Structures are given as structure tokens and as C-alpha cells.
């Protein structure tokens, strides 16, 4: 499956580090303003901070707190009360950015690849936009949904990937417990997809399963995504 953006944390750190370094020299020729270039660099620098410094700190803290809880609740009755684990200070980071780094990255890469001056063999390699593995296979491609979140009254937001621009978008499907089969919501070209359907019964929370099919040239291709559940209401 063709993919330029790594799935693992180490690969994502390397990708953002390279992009922040290389994009300022490429952006002007591809039609980006100085402010847009600064925003892109800030996004990648902050992503590196989150992935390389903050996430490991939070992982370590979570393990420490989990161990403390299990020891106190499940451990052998002995000794004095244990002190609460210390909460570490957050490491100092670069310029903060608004939520949505991944969504902005995908939209930015699409714009880069559509730019008249874009050359895959040079710009693509310089910015890390070349596929990380073999060619794109329409038959085997599996649509990819992120975690749905209720983002308002009768509003669910579902991020999705576009396989480095190899697909045009997705058809999003919704399935309630009362539905015999998934129901098409609509086609989405840009991530995230947004479903604004009302609850099946007003005031009663419900669990919804979302799936997607990739779309290329107005045709569904490949395999359905894994189902993603969310409880709304």
C-alpha cells in the first residue's frame, strides 16, 4: 500500500523533523506564503515535541500511576501507606499550535502535490512525500478511519486518511443497532468527515458504527474500513 506518512512514532518524528527543515526552502516555489510556511513549520516542530518528549513522559507517568493503583488495591497487606507518585513537570516545548496537526498536514500535502511547480522526483523526495512502500493497489486498498468523536449536538467528527492523495475521498457509512446494513452518509473529499444526523430517538444515547469505502473517480474501490464505534447522545 502506498503511503508517505509512517505509522510508528519514530518514523513520524523523523518525517516532521525533515519537513520542518526542508519546507521553508521549497514552499515559496509551490505557492505558499511566508505565514503559511511558518504555520507548517510550527505544526511539525510541535508534533516532534509531542511525539518525542511529551508522549514518553505521559506514558511513563501513566505506568507509574497504574502500578501505584494496582499495588495499593491488590498488593499484600503490609507496611505503611505509599506516597502518591510524583507528577513530572512537562518538558518545555516550541511554539504551541491549535489542535488538528494531522488534518492540516494532509490538506497541506494535497496542496503541495497539486501545485504547478511540484516535481515528485525532487520535491517529493526532499519533503518525504514519496510512498513508504510499494505501488498503490486499488483492489486491495483498505479505507482508514480514525476514532469518531461527538463534537456537538447531533454532530460526530470522523477523521480519515487519503493514502497520500491516491484516492479522491471516502463514502462514509453509518450503522445503528436498528439498521440491518450500513447506511450511506455522503461522500467526503476532505478529512474529517462530519455526520450531523439526529439521534434515532431524541434524548436517548445510542452507539453507532462507522465504516468507509475509498472513492476514486466517482467509484468505490478496495475494501471497507474497520468499523469504528462511538456513543452519542
Protein backbone atom coordinates (compact mmCIF):
# COMPACT_ATOMS: atom_id res chain seq x y z
CA UNK A 1 0.00 0.00 0.00
CA UNK A 2 1.44 3.38 -0.99
CA UNK A 3 1.96 5.62 2.00
CA UNK A 4 4.30 8.52 2.71
CA UNK A 5 3.44 9.10 6.37
CA UNK A 6 4.78 6.48 8.81
CA UNK A 7 2.52 4.68 11.28
CA UNK A 8 5.09 4.35 14.05
CA UNK A 9 6.14 7.12 16.42
CA UNK A 10 9.83 7.07 15.47
CA UNK A 11 9.01 7.36 11.78
CA UNK A 12 6.59 10.23 12.39
CA UNK A 13 9.24 12.10 14.40
CA UNK A 14 11.72 11.72 11.54
CA UNK A 15 9.12 12.82 8.98
CA UNK A 16 8.17 16.00 10.84
CA UNK A 17 11.80 16.83 11.63
CA UNK A 18 12.69 16.63 7.95
CA UNK A 19 9.60 18.55 6.81
CA UNK A 20 10.26 21.42 9.23
CA UNK A 21 13.83 21.63 7.95
CA UNK A 22 13.12 21.38 4.21
CA UNK A 23 9.77 23.08 3.64
CA UNK A 24 10.96 26.71 4.06
CA UNK A 25 13.25 26.31 1.04
CA UNK A 26 10.54 24.68 -1.11
CA UNK A 27 7.33 26.39 -0.01
CA UNK A 28 7.66 29.71 -1.89
CA UNK A 29 8.09 27.99 -5.26
CA UNK A 30 4.96 25.93 -4.57
CA UNK A 31 2.80 28.98 -3.87
CA UNK A 32 2.91 29.13 -0.06
CA UNK A 33 3.14 32.48 1.73
CA UNK A 34 5.65 33.20 4.47
CA UNK A 35 2.88 32.95 7.08
CA UNK A 36 1.73 29.58 5.71
CA UNK A 37 5.28 28.27 5.74
CA UNK A 38 5.76 29.40 9.34
CA UNK A 39 2.50 27.70 10.32
CA UNK A 40 3.60 24.46 8.65
CA UNK A 41 6.99 24.53 10.36
CA UNK A 42 5.37 25.26 13.73
CA UNK A 43 3.00 22.31 13.22
CA UNK A 44 5.85 19.90 12.53
CA UNK A 45 8.07 21.22 15.33
CA UNK A 46 5.22 20.88 17.80
CA UNK A 47 4.42 17.39 16.54
CA UNK A 48 8.04 16.39 17.21
CA UNK A 49 7.76 17.82 20.72
CA UNK A 50 4.53 15.91 21.41
CA UNK A 51 5.80 12.63 19.97
CA UNK A 52 9.41 12.74 21.15
CA UNK A 53 9.16 14.44 24.55
CA UNK A 54 5.64 14.80 25.90
CA UNK A 55 4.20 11.41 24.88
CA UNK A 56 7.02 9.37 26.52
CA UNK A 57 6.67 11.50 29.68
CA UNK A 58 2.93 10.81 29.79
CA UNK A 59 3.48 7.10 29.06
CA UNK A 60 5.94 6.83 31.93
CA UNK A 61 3.64 8.72 34.30
CA UNK A 62 0.68 6.54 33.33
CA UNK A 63 2.69 3.38 34.03
CA UNK A 64 3.75 4.76 37.41
CA UNK A 65 0.19 5.69 38.41
CA UNK A 66 -1.18 2.37 37.18
CA UNK A 67 1.43 0.48 39.20
CA UNK A 68 0.62 2.54 42.28
CA UNK A 69 -3.12 1.84 41.98
CA UNK A 70 -2.61 -1.90 41.48
CA UNK A 71 -0.13 -2.12 44.38
CA UNK A 72 -2.41 -0.35 46.84
CA UNK A 73 -5.57 -2.19 45.78
CA UNK A 74 -4.21 -5.66 45.00
CA UNK A 75 -0.89 -5.83 46.88
CA UNK A 76 -0.16 -7.74 50.09
CA UNK A 77 -1.31 -6.07 53.34
CA UNK A 78 1.94 -4.76 54.77
CA UNK A 79 3.91 -1.65 55.61
CA UNK A 80 2.95 1.99 55.74
CA UNK A 81 0.79 3.89 53.25
CA UNK A 82 2.60 4.61 49.99
CA UNK A 83 3.10 8.21 48.86
CA UNK A 84 1.46 9.23 45.62
CA UNK A 85 3.80 9.05 42.61
CA UNK A 86 5.31 12.40 41.69
CA UNK A 87 3.88 14.11 38.62
CA UNK A 88 6.79 15.32 36.48
CA UNK A 89 6.99 18.82 35.07
CA UNK A 90 6.16 18.95 31.38
CA UNK A 91 9.22 19.49 29.20
CA UNK A 92 9.43 22.94 27.64
CA UNK A 93 8.17 22.89 24.08
CA UNK A 94 8.30 25.06 20.93
CA UNK A 95 5.58 27.44 19.76
CA UNK A 96 2.18 25.84 20.58
CA UNK A 97 -0.27 25.25 17.73
CA UNK A 98 -4.05 24.68 17.61
CA UNK A 99 -5.48 21.14 17.52
CA UNK A 100 -5.55 19.43 14.13
CA UNK A 101 -1.90 18.98 13.13
CA UNK A 102 -2.68 15.77 11.27
CA UNK A 103 -5.65 17.24 9.40
CA UNK A 104 -3.61 20.28 8.36
CA UNK A 105 -0.72 18.05 7.29
CA UNK A 106 -2.95 16.06 4.96
CA UNK A 107 -4.53 19.17 3.42
CA UNK A 108 -1.09 20.78 3.07
CA UNK A 109 0.37 17.75 1.30
CA UNK A 110 -2.58 17.63 -1.10
CA UNK A 111 -1.98 21.29 -1.95
CA UNK A 112 1.74 20.69 -2.41
CA UNK A 113 1.12 17.84 -4.83
CA UNK A 114 -1.36 19.90 -6.85
CA UNK A 115 0.99 22.89 -7.13
CA UNK A 116 2.02 23.62 -10.76
CA UNK A 117 5.70 23.61 -9.84
CA UNK A 118 5.64 20.36 -7.86
CA UNK A 119 8.07 17.68 -9.09
CA UNK A 120 7.68 14.32 -7.39
CA UNK A 121 11.23 13.20 -8.05
CA UNK A 122 12.72 16.26 -6.37
CA UNK A 123 10.18 17.94 -4.09
CA UNK A 124 8.54 14.63 -3.15
CA UNK A 125 11.80 13.10 -2.00
CA UNK A 126 13.01 16.29 -0.32
CA UNK A 127 9.81 16.67 1.72
CA UNK A 128 9.32 12.99 2.47
CA UNK A 129 6.21 12.61 0.31
CA UNK A 130 7.34 9.53 -1.60
CA UNK A 131 5.45 6.33 -0.83
CA UNK A 132 6.97 4.36 2.01
CA UNK A 133 6.21 1.04 0.32
CA UNK A 134 5.05 -0.50 -2.95
CA UNK A 135 2.63 0.89 -5.54
CA UNK A 136 -0.99 1.70 -4.89
CA UNK A 137 -3.34 -1.25 -5.47
CA UNK A 138 -6.98 -0.19 -5.89
CA UNK A 139 -8.28 -3.71 -5.35
CA UNK A 140 -6.56 -4.31 -2.01
CA UNK A 141 -6.59 -0.78 -0.59
CA UNK A 142 -8.47 -0.64 2.71
CA UNK A 143 -10.12 2.62 3.74
CA UNK A 144 -8.83 4.05 7.02
CA UNK A 145 -10.95 5.81 9.62
CA UNK A 146 -9.72 7.44 12.80
CA UNK A 147 -11.58 7.50 16.11
CA UNK A 148 -15.03 9.15 15.87
CA UNK A 149 -15.81 11.84 18.43
CA UNK A 150 -19.02 13.62 19.29
CA UNK A 151 -18.16 17.26 18.64
CA UNK A 152 -21.54 18.86 19.23
CA UNK A 153 -25.25 18.22 19.47
CA UNK A 154 -26.09 15.62 16.81
CA UNK A 155 -22.60 16.00 15.38
CA UNK A 156 -19.91 13.33 15.05
CA UNK A 157 -16.49 14.04 13.56
CA UNK A 158 -14.57 11.16 11.95
CA UNK A 159 -11.01 11.68 10.65
CA UNK A 160 -9.79 9.60 7.71
CA UNK A 161 -6.69 9.10 5.60
CA UNK A 162 -6.36 9.59 1.85
CA UNK A 163 -3.34 7.36 1.17
CA UNK A 164 -1.07 10.23 0.16
CA UNK A 165 -3.62 11.52 -2.33
CA UNK A 166 -4.09 8.20 -4.11
CA UNK A 167 -7.85 8.35 -3.52
CA UNK A 168 -10.31 11.22 -4.00
CA UNK A 169 -12.07 10.72 -0.67
CA UNK A 170 -14.41 8.31 1.08
CA UNK A 171 -18.03 7.30 1.22
CA UNK A 172 -18.92 7.29 4.92
CA UNK A 173 -21.44 4.75 6.22
CA UNK A 174 -23.38 4.81 9.46
CA UNK A 175 -25.00 1.78 11.12
CA UNK A 176 -27.20 1.99 14.18
CA UNK A 177 -28.27 -1.10 16.10
CA UNK A 178 -31.66 -0.86 14.42
CA UNK A 179 -30.13 -0.82 10.91
CA UNK A 180 -29.92 -4.11 9.04
CA UNK A 181 -26.99 -2.78 6.98
CA UNK A 182 -24.76 0.30 6.87
CA UNK A 183 -26.42 3.45 5.51
CA UNK A 184 -24.51 5.86 3.29
CA UNK A 185 -24.00 9.25 4.93
CA UNK A 186 -22.31 11.02 1.99
CA UNK A 187 -19.04 11.42 0.10
CA UNK A 188 -16.26 13.36 1.80
CA UNK A 189 -13.27 14.72 -0.08
CA UNK A 190 -11.51 16.33 2.87
CA UNK A 191 -10.88 14.96 6.33
CA UNK A 192 -12.55 14.92 8.77
CA UNK A 193 -15.93 13.56 7.78
CA UNK A 194 -18.85 15.01 9.75
CA UNK A 195 -22.17 13.29 10.42
CA UNK A 196 -24.98 15.56 11.64
CA UNK A 197 -27.80 13.02 11.70
CA UNK A 198 -30.16 13.35 14.70
CA UNK A 199 -30.46 10.58 17.27
CA UNK A 200 -32.77 7.74 16.31
CA UNK A 201 -34.81 8.61 19.40
CA UNK A 202 -34.45 12.13 20.76
CA UNK A 203 -32.79 12.23 24.16
CA UNK A 204 -31.76 8.56 24.16
CA UNK A 205 -28.00 7.90 23.70
CA UNK A 206 -27.06 5.34 21.08
CA UNK A 207 -23.98 3.53 19.80
CA UNK A 208 -23.16 4.00 16.14
CA UNK A 209 -20.69 2.07 13.98
CA UNK A 210 -19.00 3.98 11.18
CA UNK A 211 -17.27 2.40 8.19
CA UNK A 212 -15.95 3.83 4.95
CA UNK A 213 -15.12 2.90 1.39
CA UNK A 214 -12.41 4.68 -0.59
CA UNK A 215 -13.56 6.54 -3.71
CA UNK A 216 -11.53 7.14 -6.86
CA UNK A 217 -13.02 8.81 -9.95
CA UNK A 218 -16.55 8.54 -8.52
CA UNK A 219 -16.22 4.79 -7.94
CA UNK A 220 -15.83 2.90 -4.68
CA UNK A 221 -12.62 0.88 -4.65
CA UNK A 222 -10.83 -1.58 -2.40
CA UNK A 223 -12.04 -2.93 0.91
CA UNK A 224 -14.28 -1.43 3.62
CA UNK A 225 -12.55 0.12 6.60
CA UNK A 226 -12.62 -1.42 10.04
CA UNK A 227 -15.72 -0.43 11.99
CA UNK A 228 -15.33 2.46 14.45
CA UNK A 229 -17.80 2.78 17.32
CA UNK A 230 -18.94 5.90 19.12
CA UNK A 231 -21.67 6.51 21.66
CA UNK A 232 -23.57 9.74 21.12
CA UNK A 233 -26.36 11.49 22.93
